[in-house]
Amino acid sequence: MNEQPDPSWKPEEQRGVQPFALVKYFSFTSLLVILVASFVLTWSFSNNARDTMLDRSESYSRMFAENLNRQVFHSFVIPTVIRFGRIALSDEAQFGLLDQMVHNITRGMKIEAVTIFDSRENIVSYSTDAALVGKKNIGGIEYKKALKGESTSVLISNGSMFNLLPGASPMFCTLKTYVPFRQERRVGDRSGEIMGVILVVKDLSEDLEAVVSLQFRVLLLSLTVMGILFAVLSAIVIRANRIMEARAEERRELEKQLHEAQRLAVLGKMIASVSHEIKNPLGIVRSTAEILGKRLAKLAPGNEHLSKIIVDETTRLDGIVREFLDFARPKTPTKALGSLNTLVRRLALFMNVEFSDKQIDFVDELDPELPECPLDGDQLYQVLLNIIFNAIHAMPEGGKLTVRTFASEKDVSLEITDSGSGMPPEKLEQIFIPFFTDKNRGTGLGLAITKNIVEQHKGEIKVQSEEGVGTTFTVRLPKEEVTELPNHA
């Protein structure tokens, strides 16, 4: 008699896992969003630092150009006009004075070059780069803007974090600032006539490399921190996932046990009621058959076997009814200190003839120092009988049956091993299920009753089996009385 599984059970199992799978999905999605946001913020911060550096450098270049304008006008233009009557940079003396003055002003300021364009035509009148002197039409649109009084700057750069990689080309950054070269009526008053255009070329390569290095370090630090955070949160999510799955599995197991308990409770009530109704008529039938057998012996000799058949079958049915009642109404064990060794010796004496008839070699390996434990001797004896009968059934052509006792720190154990046919995994999972049997005769309640008795003793029973090798039942009982049932896997 096997009950079909509830078809809704599997969806319920799936529903137990899906909610947290959704939480895990959102957790990893959130981490990805945080990582991307951190990358964007870091990049924005670094670019802002870079832009700020360039803005300040541009402002500094303009201030330098204006200061250069003032110094050249007051210290070179005016004295040169007074001395020579006009400005002629083609004159080596005038050119040398201006060149010395510019070099003195730019010394230590990381100025790459200073160039002065003529106001009448786009030609280089002076430059710290001698190769540029005399060249025409190299000022470009910025030169024209400066002639109209507008200061402009041009940034020429090639630098990113990729330039920090080994073997990459070095980064460079050049800032060109075009400022009108004006006459000054008085100190600080640059509203006079435009005499030319001053070009200040400043090398910002080192500053750019420092900013890019900072950008790389900030980004690397941010990614490292986020990576650590991601790893920590991932570990938390994974652990939480395992805990939630374990709890879901535990809940499903409890629901399954509750479902089974409810089913068995209803079944037990039915069995108890039916067994009670059958037990009394069986007794009457048996008694009547015994009386009938005595009369047949007198009236119809040779037919006594007919009444004996009735008596034997009613006896067998009475045993089945008793087994039903034992399962439906399990008795509370009456415990007293006792030894498993005593029960094994009692069983060996009782089953000696059976072992001999079935050609079974019975071997006991009993621990002589096995401690006593609280047990109900009659119920544990029934446990031994049920397991032994199953072992005998598994060895129809004889074999070896070994019973071993041993103790651990908290438990006293009984191990029964046969050399029978063994069981496949699918049968092994069902042997303790009530009414499950592969025998032609039997109720399938023997091992279910055995399991109930062991659990009533606050112990546990386990079974290991391999087809063609044999089966081992292990019963563990606590040395001392406990108040809670063990947590069975």
Protein backbone atom coordinates (compact mmCIF):
# COMPACT_ATOMS: atom_id res chain seq x y z
CA MET A 1 0.00 0.00 0.00
CA ASN A 2 1.87 3.09 -1.22
CA GLU A 3 0.29 6.54 -1.22
CA GLN A 4 0.82 8.63 -4.35
CA PRO A 5 2.82 11.85 -3.79
CA ASP A 6 0.99 15.14 -3.71
CA PRO A 7 1.27 16.64 -7.24
CA SER A 8 1.55 20.14 -5.76
CA TRP A 9 4.61 19.25 -3.74
CA LYS A 10 7.21 20.09 -6.41
CA PRO A 11 5.88 23.58 -7.17
CA GLU A 12 5.91 24.28 -3.44
CA GLU A 13 9.55 23.25 -3.33
CA GLN A 14 10.33 25.59 -6.19
CA ARG A 15 8.43 28.41 -4.53
CA GLY A 16 10.62 27.95 -1.45
CA VAL A 17 13.78 28.77 -3.43
CA GLN A 18 12.57 31.34 -5.96
CA PRO A 19 12.11 34.33 -3.57
CA PHE A 20 15.69 34.34 -2.45
CA ALA A 21 16.92 33.74 -6.00
CA LEU A 22 15.19 37.04 -6.78
CA VAL A 23 16.92 38.70 -3.81
CA LYS A 24 20.26 37.38 -5.04
CA TYR A 25 19.54 38.76 -8.51
CA PHE A 26 18.80 42.23 -7.12
CA SER A 27 21.87 42.06 -4.87
CA PHE A 28 24.23 41.43 -7.76
CA THR A 29 22.41 44.00 -9.90
CA SER A 30 22.81 46.60 -7.13
CA LEU A 31 26.50 45.80 -6.83
CA LEU A 32 26.92 46.27 -10.57
CA VAL A 33 25.12 49.63 -10.43
CA ILE A 34 27.32 50.73 -7.49
CA LEU A 35 30.43 49.66 -9.37
CA VAL A 36 29.46 51.57 -12.51
CA ALA A 37 28.45 54.63 -10.49
CA SER A 38 31.75 54.53 -8.61
CA PHE A 39 33.66 54.32 -11.89
CA VAL A 40 31.74 57.27 -13.35
CA LEU A 41 32.18 59.40 -10.21
CA THR A 42 35.89 58.60 -10.04
CA TRP A 43 36.32 59.48 -13.70
CA SER A 44 34.38 62.73 -13.24
CA PHE A 45 36.46 63.66 -10.21
CA SER A 46 39.70 63.02 -12.04
CA ASN A 47 38.59 64.93 -15.12
CA ASN A 48 37.50 67.83 -12.94
CA ALA A 49 40.95 67.87 -11.33
CA ARG A 50 42.50 67.83 -14.79
CA ASP A 51 40.29 70.69 -16.05
CA THR A 52 41.03 72.72 -12.93
CA MET A 53 44.76 72.25 -13.46
CA LEU A 54 44.49 73.39 -17.07
CA ASP A 55 42.35 76.41 -16.17
CA ARG A 56 44.83 77.53 -13.56
CA SER A 57 47.72 76.97 -15.93
CA GLU A 58 45.97 79.06 -18.58
CA SER A 59 45.32 81.87 -16.10
CA TYR A 60 48.92 81.72 -14.98
CA SER A 61 50.16 81.88 -18.59
CA ARG A 62 48.04 84.97 -19.27
CA MET A 63 49.30 86.66 -16.11
CA PHE A 64 52.84 85.78 -17.11
CA ALA A 65 52.30 87.15 -20.61
CA GLU A 66 50.90 90.40 -19.22
CA ASN A 67 53.81 90.69 -16.82
CA LEU A 68 56.19 89.99 -19.70
CA ASN A 69 54.40 92.70 -21.71
CA ARG A 70 54.99 95.17 -18.86
CA GLN A 71 58.62 94.22 -18.34
CA VAL A 72 59.49 94.33 -22.05
CA PHE A 73 57.72 97.63 -22.63
CA HIS A 74 59.23 99.44 -19.65
CA SER A 75 62.63 97.78 -19.57
CA PHE A 76 63.27 97.29 -23.27
CA VAL A 77 60.95 99.22 -25.60
CA ILE A 78 61.18 102.63 -23.93
CA PRO A 79 64.95 102.52 -23.23
CA THR A 80 65.63 101.18 -26.74
CA VAL A 81 63.58 103.91 -28.42
CA ILE A 82 65.34 106.57 -26.33
CA ARG A 83 68.75 105.13 -27.12
CA PHE A 84 68.38 104.00 -30.74
CA GLY A 85 65.39 106.04 -31.85
CA ARG A 86 63.42 103.01 -33.00
CA ILE A 87 62.95 99.28 -32.39
CA ALA A 88 64.87 97.09 -34.82
CA LEU A 89 65.22 93.52 -33.63
CA SER A 90 67.27 92.76 -36.70
CA ASP A 91 69.99 94.63 -34.83
CA GLU A 92 71.96 92.03 -32.88
CA ALA A 93 72.45 94.39 -29.97
CA GLN A 94 68.73 95.05 -29.54
CA PHE A 95 67.90 91.40 -30.09
CA GLY A 96 70.47 90.37 -27.50
CA LEU A 97 69.12 92.80 -24.90
CA LEU A 98 65.57 91.52 -25.41
CA ASP A 99 66.67 87.89 -25.42
CA GLN A 100 68.61 88.31 -22.18
CA MET A 101 65.65 90.06 -20.53
CA VAL A 102 63.15 87.32 -21.59
CA HIS A 103 65.46 84.54 -20.40
CA ASN A 104 65.88 86.25 -17.04
CA ILE A 105 62.10 86.56 -16.65
CA THR A 106 61.31 82.97 -17.72
CA ARG A 107 64.12 81.31 -15.79
CA GLY A 108 62.69 78.47 -13.59
CA MET A 109 59.10 78.94 -14.78
CA LYS A 110 58.84 75.89 -17.10
CA ILE A 111 58.20 78.20 -20.05
CA GLU A 112 59.10 76.33 -23.19
CA ALA A 113 59.15 79.31 -25.53
CA VAL A 114 58.26 82.99 -25.81
CA THR A 115 57.47 84.38 -29.25
CA ILE A 116 56.64 87.96 -30.29
CA PHE A 117 54.80 88.60 -33.55
CA ASP A 118 54.85 91.91 -35.40
CA SER A 119 51.57 93.83 -35.50
CA ARG A 120 51.92 94.90 -39.13
CA GLU A 121 52.28 91.39 -40.59
CA ASN A 122 52.11 87.82 -39.34
CA ILE A 123 55.85 87.41 -38.89
CA VAL A 124 57.92 86.31 -35.91
CA SER A 125 60.03 89.25 -34.77
CA TYR A 126 61.48 87.49 -31.71
CA SER A 127 61.46 83.99 -30.24
CA THR A 128 63.47 82.07 -27.68
CA ASP A 129 63.42 79.36 -30.34
CA ALA A 130 65.84 80.77 -32.87
CA ALA A 131 64.44 78.57 -35.62
CA LEU A 132 61.16 80.48 -35.56
CA VAL A 133 62.60 83.97 -35.97
CA GLY A 134 61.57 85.47 -39.30
CA LYS A 135 58.92 82.91 -40.14
CA LYS A 136 55.66 84.19 -41.52
CA ASN A 137 52.01 83.20 -41.24
CA ILE A 138 52.39 80.73 -38.36
CA GLY A 139 50.24 82.65 -35.90
CA GLY A 140 46.93 81.38 -37.17
CA ILE A 141 43.50 82.54 -36.09
CA GLU A 142 44.69 83.11 -32.52
CA TYR A 143 47.14 85.72 -33.80
CA LYS A 144 44.31 87.60 -35.49
CA LYS A 145 42.18 87.49 -32.32
CA ALA A 146 45.05 88.84 -30.24
CA LEU A 147 45.52 91.74 -32.70
CA LYS A 148 41.90 92.65 -31.96
CA GLY A 149 42.64 92.67 -28.21
CA GLU A 150 41.33 89.17 -27.35
CA SER A 151 43.55 86.81 -25.40
CA THR A 152 43.20 83.15 -26.35
CA SER A 153 44.74 79.83 -25.36
CA VAL A 154 45.22 76.60 -27.26
CA LEU A 155 45.87 73.26 -25.53
CA ILE A 156 47.69 70.55 -27.43
CA SER A 157 47.92 67.30 -25.47
CA ASN A 158 48.07 63.57 -25.81
CA GLY A 159 47.75 61.80 -22.49
CA SER A 160 45.57 59.13 -20.86
CA MET A 161 45.94 56.20 -18.50
CA PHE A 162 46.95 54.05 -21.45
CA ASN A 163 50.18 56.09 -21.70
CA LEU A 164 51.14 54.74 -18.25
CA LEU A 165 51.38 51.22 -19.61
CA PRO A 166 54.88 49.85 -20.24
CA GLY A 167 56.05 50.51 -23.80
CA ALA A 168 53.42 53.19 -24.45
CA SER A 169 54.39 56.54 -25.98
CA PRO A 170 55.13 59.31 -23.44
CA MET A 171 52.35 61.80 -22.85
CA PHE A 172 52.76 65.48 -23.66
CA CYS A 173 50.77 68.62 -22.99
CA THR A 174 51.54 72.08 -24.37
CA LEU A 175 49.58 75.24 -23.60
CA LYS A 176 49.89 78.13 -26.09
CA THR A 177 48.62 81.50 -24.88
CA TYR A 178 48.27 84.46 -27.28
CA VAL A 179 48.17 87.88 -25.59
CA PRO A 180 48.13 91.34 -27.25
CA PHE A 181 51.43 93.22 -26.79
CA ARG A 182 50.29 96.74 -25.88
CA GLN A 183 51.79 100.03 -24.98
CA GLU A 184 51.31 101.09 -21.37
CA ARG A 185 50.55 104.71 -20.57
CA ARG A 186 51.22 104.03 -16.92
CA VAL A 187 51.96 100.96 -14.83
CA GLY A 188 49.02 98.52 -15.01
CA ASP A 189 47.23 100.45 -17.77
CA ARG A 190 47.29 98.16 -20.84
CA SER A 191 44.85 100.12 -22.94
CA GLY A 192 47.34 101.56 -25.38
CA GLU A 193 48.08 100.72 -28.99
CA ILE A 194 48.69 97.05 -29.84
CA MET A 195 52.35 96.70 -30.89
CA GLY A 196 52.27 92.98 -31.59
CA VAL A 197 51.30 89.60 -30.17
CA ILE A 198 53.06 87.67 -27.43
CA LEU A 199 52.89 83.86 -27.60
CA VAL A 200 53.77 81.99 -24.41
CA VAL A 201 54.30 78.26 -24.82
CA LYS A 202 54.24 76.36 -21.56
CA ASP A 203 55.06 72.66 -21.14
CA LEU A 204 52.44 70.96 -18.90
CA SER A 205 53.54 67.39 -19.59
CA GLU A 206 54.69 66.75 -16.03
CA ASP A 207 51.50 68.26 -14.59
CA LEU A 208 49.37 66.20 -16.98
CA GLU A 209 51.27 63.03 -16.09
CA ALA A 210 50.75 63.76 -12.39
CA VAL A 211 47.01 64.28 -12.93
CA VAL A 212 46.67 61.11 -15.03
CA SER A 213 48.66 59.16 -12.43
CA LEU A 214 46.33 60.52 -9.74
CA GLN A 215 43.37 59.58 -11.90
CA PHE A 216 44.75 56.06 -12.30
CA ARG A 217 45.43 55.67 -8.57
CA VAL A 218 41.99 56.96 -7.61
CA LEU A 219 40.34 54.67 -10.14
CA LEU A 220 42.45 51.70 -9.04
CA LEU A 221 41.69 52.40 -5.38
CA SER A 222 37.99 52.78 -6.13
CA LEU A 223 37.91 49.53 -8.09
CA THR A 224 39.84 47.77 -5.34
CA VAL A 225 37.46 48.99 -2.65
CA MET A 226 34.46 48.07 -4.76
CA GLY A 227 36.02 44.71 -5.54
CA ILE A 228 36.47 44.03 -1.83
CA LEU A 229 32.92 45.21 -1.16
CA PHE A 230 31.67 43.03 -3.98
CA ALA A 231 33.57 40.01 -2.62
CA VAL A 232 32.26 40.60 0.92
CA LEU A 233 28.68 41.08 -0.23
CA SER A 234 28.98 38.10 -2.55
CA ALA A 235 30.15 35.95 0.36
CA ILE A 236 27.23 37.25 2.45
CA VAL A 237 24.77 36.58 -0.35
CA ILE A 238 26.18 33.08 -0.95
CA ARG A 239 26.08 32.25 2.76
CA ALA A 240 22.59 33.70 3.09
CA ASN A 241 21.56 31.71 0.05
CA ARG A 242 22.79 28.51 1.66
CA ILE A 243 21.05 29.35 4.92
CA MET A 244 17.81 30.18 3.15
CA GLU A 245 17.97 27.03 1.06
CA ALA A 246 18.72 24.97 4.18
CA ARG A 247 15.77 26.56 5.96
CA ALA A 248 13.55 26.04 2.93
CA GLU A 249 14.65 22.41 2.80
CA GLU A 250 14.02 22.06 6.54
CA ARG A 251 10.59 23.63 6.14
CA ARG A 252 9.76 21.31 3.27
CA GLU A 253 10.92 18.34 5.31
CA LEU A 254 8.80 19.46 8.28
CA GLU A 255 5.81 19.92 5.98
CA LYS A 256 6.43 16.48 4.56
CA GLN A 257 6.69 14.98 8.04
CA LEU A 258 3.53 16.80 9.12
CA HIS A 259 1.72 15.56 6.03
CA GLU A 260 2.94 12.03 6.73
CA ALA A 261 2.04 12.29 10.43
CA GLN A 262 -1.47 13.45 9.58
CA ARG A 263 -1.87 10.66 7.06
CA LEU A 264 -0.60 8.06 9.53
CA ALA A 265 -2.78 9.44 12.31
CA VAL A 266 -5.91 8.98 10.21
CA LEU A 267 -4.66 5.61 9.03
CA GLY A 268 -3.85 4.58 12.60
CA LYS A 269 -7.35 5.40 13.80
CA MET A 270 -8.83 3.38 10.97
CA ILE A 271 -6.49 0.44 11.59
CA ALA A 272 -7.16 0.48 15.32
CA SER A 273 -10.91 0.50 14.76
CA VAL A 274 -10.86 -2.25 12.13
CA SER A 275 -8.36 -4.39 14.06
CA HIS A 276 -10.46 -4.18 17.19
CA GLU A 277 -13.52 -5.34 15.25
CA ILE A 278 -11.57 -8.21 13.67
CA LYS A 279 -9.72 -9.41 16.76
CA ASN A 280 -12.72 -10.72 18.72
CA PRO A 281 -14.30 -12.67 15.80
CA LEU A 282 -10.89 -14.19 15.04
CA GLY A 283 -10.69 -15.46 18.61
CA ILE A 284 -14.13 -16.99 18.31
CA VAL A 285 -13.26 -18.62 14.95
CA ARG A 286 -10.08 -20.08 16.40
CA SER A 287 -11.77 -21.47 19.47
CA THR A 288 -14.55 -22.93 17.34
CA ALA A 289 -12.00 -24.52 14.99
CA GLU A 290 -10.17 -26.15 17.90
CA ILE A 291 -13.42 -27.62 19.24
CA LEU A 292 -14.38 -28.73 15.72
CA GLY A 293 -11.01 -30.43 15.34
CA LYS A 294 -11.56 -32.53 18.46
CA ARG A 295 -14.99 -33.63 17.24
CA LEU A 296 -13.67 -34.46 13.75
CA ALA A 297 -11.05 -36.68 15.34
CA LYS A 298 -13.88 -38.76 16.81
CA LEU A 299 -16.50 -38.56 14.07
CA ALA A 300 -14.37 -38.37 10.91
CA PRO A 301 -10.84 -39.50 11.62
CA GLY A 302 -8.30 -38.21 9.07
CA ASN A 303 -10.01 -34.87 8.55
CA GLU A 304 -8.47 -33.14 11.56
CA HIS A 305 -6.11 -31.24 9.28
CA LEU A 306 -9.04 -29.17 8.03
CA SER A 307 -9.60 -27.63 11.44
CA LYS A 308 -5.84 -27.26 11.89
CA ILE A 309 -5.70 -25.14 8.72
CA ILE A 310 -8.34 -22.85 10.16
CA VAL A 311 -6.47 -22.59 13.48
CA ASP A 312 -3.13 -21.81 11.75
CA GLU A 313 -4.60 -19.17 9.48
CA THR A 314 -6.51 -17.48 12.30
CA THR A 315 -3.28 -17.48 14.32
CA ARG A 316 -1.48 -15.82 11.41
CA LEU A 317 -4.26 -13.27 11.01
CA ASP A 318 -4.19 -12.60 14.74
CA GLY A 319 -0.46 -11.84 14.45
CA ILE A 320 -1.18 -9.41 11.61
CA VAL A 321 -3.89 -7.70 13.65
CA ARG A 322 -1.51 -7.41 16.61
CA GLU A 323 1.10 -5.85 14.30
CA PHE A 324 -1.47 -3.34 13.06
CA LEU A 325 -2.37 -2.46 16.63
CA ASP A 326 1.31 -2.08 17.60
CA PHE A 327 1.73 0.39 14.75
CA ALA A 328 -1.55 2.27 15.31
CA ARG A 329 -1.17 2.47 19.10
CA PRO A 330 2.55 2.36 19.91
CA LYS A 331 3.26 1.62 23.52
CA THR A 332 5.21 4.07 25.63
CA PRO A 333 8.46 2.30 26.56
CA THR A 334 8.94 1.36 30.19
CA LYS A 335 12.63 2.04 30.56
CA ALA A 336 15.09 0.57 32.96
CA LEU A 337 18.86 0.22 32.84
CA GLY A 338 19.75 -2.74 30.70
CA SER A 339 22.41 -4.08 28.36
CA LEU A 340 22.11 -4.66 24.62
CA ASN A 341 24.48 -7.62 25.06
CA THR A 342 21.82 -9.41 27.16
CA LEU A 343 19.21 -8.93 24.43
CA VAL A 344 21.59 -10.23 21.73
CA ARG A 345 22.40 -13.39 23.76
CA ARG A 346 18.68 -13.94 24.40
CA LEU A 347 17.93 -13.65 20.69
CA ALA A 348 20.82 -15.96 19.74
CA LEU A 349 19.49 -18.65 22.06
CA PHE A 350 15.95 -18.29 20.73
CA MET A 351 16.96 -18.27 17.04
CA ASN A 352 19.65 -20.96 17.25
CA VAL A 353 17.49 -23.63 15.58
CA GLU A 354 16.34 -21.19 12.89
CA PHE A 355 19.94 -20.25 12.10
CA SER A 356 20.89 -23.89 11.81
CA ASP A 357 17.95 -24.72 9.51
CA LYS A 358 18.66 -21.73 7.24
CA GLN A 359 22.43 -22.45 7.17
CA ILE A 360 23.23 -19.06 8.62
CA ASP A 361 26.54 -18.57 10.43
CA PHE A 362 25.72 -16.32 13.40
CA VAL A 363 28.68 -14.29 14.74
CA ASP A 364 28.46 -12.02 17.77
CA GLU A 365 31.12 -9.38 18.43
CA LEU A 366 29.90 -7.99 21.72
CA ASP A 367 31.79 -5.37 23.67
CA PRO A 368 32.41 -6.96 27.09
CA GLU A 369 32.60 -3.50 28.66
CA LEU A 370 29.46 -2.18 27.00
CA PRO A 371 27.75 0.20 29.45
CA GLU A 372 24.09 -0.15 30.33
CA CYS A 373 21.56 2.37 29.05
CA PRO A 374 17.87 3.17 29.70
CA LEU A 375 15.73 0.87 27.52
CA ASP A 376 12.56 -1.19 27.36
CA GLY A 377 13.86 -4.73 27.02
CA ASP A 378 10.75 -6.20 25.37
CA GLN A 379 10.49 -3.43 22.77
CA LEU A 380 14.22 -3.51 21.90
CA TYR A 381 13.98 -7.30 21.65
CA GLN A 382 11.20 -6.79 19.07
CA VAL A 383 13.53 -4.41 17.19
CA LEU A 384 16.21 -7.12 17.08
CA LEU A 385 13.71 -9.72 15.88
CA ASN A 386 12.37 -7.50 13.09
CA ILE A 387 15.86 -6.72 11.78
CA ILE A 388 17.02 -10.34 12.08
CA PHE A 389 13.95 -11.67 10.23
CA ASN A 390 14.68 -9.21 7.39
CA ALA A 391 18.29 -10.41 7.33
CA ILE A 392 17.21 -14.07 7.16
CA HIS A 393 14.82 -13.24 4.32
CA ALA A 394 17.73 -11.58 2.43
CA MET A 395 19.81 -14.82 2.73
CA PRO A 396 17.55 -17.60 1.37
CA GLU A 397 20.55 -19.81 0.62
CA GLY A 398 22.34 -19.10 3.89
CA GLY A 399 25.16 -16.72 4.70
CA LYS A 400 26.82 -14.86 7.53
CA LEU A 401 25.02 -12.73 10.12
CA THR A 402 27.17 -10.53 12.38
CA VAL A 403 25.89 -8.67 15.42
CA ARG A 404 28.26 -6.17 16.99
CA THR A 405 27.90 -3.85 19.98
CA PHE A 406 30.08 -0.88 20.82
CA ALA A 407 29.92 2.42 22.68
CA SER A 408 30.96 6.01 22.06
CA GLU A 409 31.14 8.97 24.38
CA LYS A 410 27.37 9.57 24.34
CA ASP A 411 25.83 6.53 22.62
CA VAL A 412 25.52 2.77 22.85
CA SER A 413 25.28 1.15 19.42
CA LEU A 414 24.10 -2.13 17.93
CA GLU A 415 25.19 -3.10 14.42
CA ILE A 416 23.63 -6.00 12.47
CA THR A 417 25.27 -6.99 9.16
CA ASP A 418 24.14 -9.71 6.76
CA SER A 419 25.76 -11.08 3.61
CA GLY A 420 22.48 -11.15 1.72
CA SER A 421 21.35 -9.76 -1.60
CA GLY A 422 21.35 -6.13 -0.47
CA MET A 423 18.95 -3.43 -1.64
CA PRO A 424 18.92 -0.93 -4.52
CA PRO A 425 18.93 2.80 -3.56
CA GLU A 426 15.25 3.31 -4.48
CA LYS A 427 14.20 0.53 -2.08
CA LEU A 428 16.60 1.74 0.61
CA GLU A 429 14.77 5.07 0.73
CA GLN A 430 11.40 3.41 1.40
CA ILE A 431 12.08 0.56 3.84
CA PHE A 432 10.85 2.55 6.86
CA ILE A 433 7.67 3.70 5.09
CA PRO A 434 4.59 1.92 6.55
CA PHE A 435 3.11 -0.86 4.39
CA PHE A 436 6.07 -0.89 2.01
CA THR A 437 7.15 -4.49 1.34
CA ASP A 438 8.56 -6.57 -1.48
CA LYS A 439 7.55 -9.87 0.12
CA ASN A 440 4.66 -11.99 -1.06
CA ARG A 441 3.31 -12.06 2.47
CA GLY A 442 3.62 -9.47 5.18
CA THR A 443 2.23 -6.10 6.15
CA GLY A 444 5.28 -3.93 5.57
CA LEU A 445 5.01 -2.59 9.12
CA GLY A 446 7.96 -4.39 10.74
CA LEU A 447 10.66 -1.79 10.04
CA ALA A 448 8.21 1.10 10.50
CA ILE A 449 7.44 -0.24 14.00
CA THR A 450 11.16 -0.74 14.56
CA LYS A 451 11.87 2.89 13.69
CA ASN A 452 9.08 4.10 15.98
CA ILE A 453 10.44 2.08 18.90
CA VAL A 454 13.99 3.39 18.41
CA GLU A 455 12.75 7.00 18.21
CA GLN A 456 10.63 6.41 21.33
CA HIS A 457 13.97 5.61 23.02
CA LYS A 458 15.36 8.96 21.74
CA GLY A 459 17.74 7.05 19.49
CA GLU A 460 18.26 6.68 15.76
CA ILE A 461 18.41 3.87 13.25
CA LYS A 462 20.38 3.93 10.01
CA VAL A 463 20.83 1.46 7.19
CA GLN A 464 23.52 0.95 4.57
CA SER A 465 23.18 -1.56 1.75
CA GLU A 466 24.88 -2.60 -1.45
CA GLU A 467 23.36 -4.96 -3.96
CA GLY A 468 25.12 -8.32 -4.01
CA VAL A 469 27.15 -7.49 -0.89
CA GLY A 470 24.76 -7.16 2.03
CA THR A 471 23.00 -4.79 4.42
CA THR A 472 23.96 -3.19 7.74
CA PHE A 473 21.47 -1.79 10.26
CA THR A 474 22.86 0.45 13.00
CA VAL A 475 20.84 1.34 16.10
CA ARG A 476 22.16 4.05 18.42
CA LEU A 477 20.72 4.68 21.87
CA PRO A 478 21.74 7.48 24.27
CA LYS A 479 23.58 6.43 27.42
CA GLU A 480 21.45 8.81 29.44
CA GLU A 481 17.82 9.86 29.25
CA VAL A 482 17.27 12.85 26.93
CA THR A 483 14.25 15.10 26.66
CA GLU A 484 14.32 15.86 22.93
CA LEU A 485 14.24 13.69 19.86
CA PRO A 486 17.44 13.77 17.78
CA ASN A 487 17.48 15.79 14.60
CA HIS A 488 17.35 13.16 11.87
CA ALA A 489 18.94 13.90 8.57
